[in-house]
C-alpha atoms as a PDB file:
ATOM      1  CA  MET A   1     102.056  50.104 -20.662  1.00  0.00           C
ATOM      2  CA  LYS A   2      99.390  48.508 -18.493  1.00  0.00           C
ATOM      3  CA  ASN A   3     100.379  45.267 -16.790  1.00  0.00           C
ATOM      4  CA  ARG A   4      99.386  42.581 -14.308  1.00  0.00           C
ATOM      5  CA  VAL A   5     102.857  42.025 -12.842  1.00  0.00           C
ATOM      6  CA  ARG A   6     101.913  42.880  -9.237  1.00  0.00           C
ATOM      7  CA  GLU A   7      98.881  40.573  -9.359  1.00  0.00           C
ATOM      8  CA  LEU A   8     100.849  37.675 -10.850  1.00  0.00           C
ATOM      9  CA  ARG A   9     103.798  38.180  -8.502  1.00  0.00           C
ATOM     10  CA  LYS A  10     101.482  38.000  -5.488  1.00  0.00           C
ATOM     11  CA  LEU A  11      99.764  34.884  -6.861  1.00  0.00           C
ATOM     12  CA  LYS A  12     103.211  33.242  -6.991  1.00  0.00           C
ATOM     13  CA  GLY A  13     103.819  34.352  -3.388  1.00  0.00           C
ATOM     14  CA  LEU A  14     106.880  36.404  -4.321  1.00  0.00           C
ATOM     15  CA  THR A  15     108.098  39.718  -2.941  1.00  0.00           C
ATOM     16  CA  GLN A  16     109.377  42.369  -5.330  1.00  0.00           C
ATOM     17  CA  GLU A  17     112.897  41.516  -4.187  1.00  0.00           C
ATOM     18  CA  GLN A  18     112.431  37.789  -4.854  1.00  0.00           C
ATOM     19  CA  LEU A  19     111.005  38.410  -8.319  1.00  0.00           C
ATOM     20  CA  ALA A  20     113.854  40.791  -9.095  1.00  0.00           C
ATOM     21  CA  GLU A  21     116.443  38.217  -8.038  1.00  0.00           C
ATOM     22  CA  VAL A  22     114.872  35.439 -10.121  1.00  0.00           C
ATOM     23  CA  ILE A  23     114.794  37.495 -13.329  1.00  0.00           C
ATOM     24  CA  GLY A  24     118.039  39.423 -12.760  1.00  0.00           C
ATOM     25  CA  VAL A  25     116.908  43.008 -12.197  1.00  0.00           C
ATOM     26  CA  SER A  26     116.723  45.337  -9.190  1.00  0.00           C
ATOM     27  CA  ARG A  27     113.780  45.562  -6.812  1.00  0.00           C
ATOM     28  CA  GLN A  28     113.423  49.188  -7.921  1.00  0.00           C
ATOM     29  CA  THR A  29     112.937  47.990 -11.499  1.00  0.00           C
ATOM     30  CA  ILE A  30     110.122  45.667 -10.419  1.00  0.00           C
ATOM     31  CA  ASN A  31     108.542  48.510  -8.446  1.00  0.00           C
ATOM     32  CA  ALA A  32     108.702  50.838 -11.458  1.00  0.00           C
ATOM     33  CA  ILE A  33     107.227  48.164 -13.767  1.00  0.00           C
ATOM     34  CA  GLU A  34     104.363  47.486 -11.352  1.00  0.00           C
ATOM     35  CA  LYS A  35     103.622  51.219 -11.076  1.00  0.00           C
ATOM     36  CA  GLU A  36     103.658  51.421 -14.896  1.00  0.00           C
ATOM     37  CA  LYS A  37     106.481  53.979 -14.820  1.00  0.00           C
ATOM     38  CA  PHE A  38     108.889  51.731 -16.710  1.00  0.00           C
ATOM     39  CA  ASP A  39     108.496  49.194 -19.516  1.00  0.00           C
ATOM     40  CA  PRO A  40     110.795  46.171 -19.201  1.00  0.00           C
ATOM     41  CA  SER A  41     113.270  45.111 -21.824  1.00  0.00           C
ATOM     42  CA  LEU A  42     112.245  42.256 -24.072  1.00  0.00           C
ATOM     43  CA  PRO A  43     114.607  39.781 -22.341  1.00  0.00           C
ATOM     44  CA  THR A  44     113.107  40.748 -18.960  1.00  0.00           C
ATOM     45  CA  ALA A  45     109.575  40.328 -20.293  1.00  0.00           C
ATOM     46  CA  PHE A  46     110.480  36.861 -21.632  1.00  0.00           C
ATOM     47  CA  LYS A  47     111.927  35.855 -18.252  1.00  0.00           C
ATOM     48  CA  MET A  48     108.695  36.958 -16.578  1.00  0.00           C
ATOM     49  CA  SER A  49     106.699  35.045 -19.189  1.00  0.00           C
ATOM     50  CA  LYS A  50     108.602  31.863 -18.396  1.00  0.00           C
ATOM     51  CA  LEU A  51     108.287  32.360 -14.627  1.00  0.00           C
ATOM     52  CA  PHE A  52     104.553  33.136 -14.744  1.00  0.00           C
ATOM     53  CA  ASP A  53     104.018  30.432 -17.402  1.00  0.00           C
ATOM     54  CA  LEU A  54     101.994  32.872 -19.489  1.00  0.00           C
ATOM     55  CA  PRO A  55     102.417  34.537 -22.870  1.00  0.00           C
ATOM     56  CA  ILE A  56     103.714  38.104 -22.558  1.00  0.00           C
ATOM     57  CA  GLU A  57     100.408  39.376 -23.953  1.00  0.00           C
ATOM     58  CA  ASP A  58      98.604  37.952 -20.907  1.00  0.00           C
ATOM     59  CA  PHE A  59     100.341  40.274 -18.451  1.00  0.00           C
ATOM     60  CA  PHE A  60     101.512  43.258 -20.531  1.00  0.00           C
ATOM     61  CA  LEU A  61      98.577  45.003 -22.174  1.00  0.00           C
ATOM     62  CA  TYR A  62      99.388  47.186 -25.163  1.00  0.00           C
ATOM     63  CA  ASP A  63      96.874  49.682 -26.525  1.00  0.00           C
ATOM     64  CA  GLU A  64      97.520  50.267 -30.195  1.00  0.00           C
ATOM     65  CA  ILE A  65      97.576  53.845 -31.411  1.00  0.00           C
ATOM     66  CA  GLU A  66      94.633  54.464 -33.710  1.00  0.00           C
END
């Protein structure tokens, strides 16, 4: 799934480790999400939504299967 997590994290001035600590995951998880190798759980996505003050749809981009 495409995402804007890296961009939004940097706008907040956070390192991967800081973001991971705030939302309760490992730095490796944040790295994998940013590289689009891993899709976060729904609770993790909601925590990011609250932190970034954006709807999930604004930073996780889902292409529907046609």
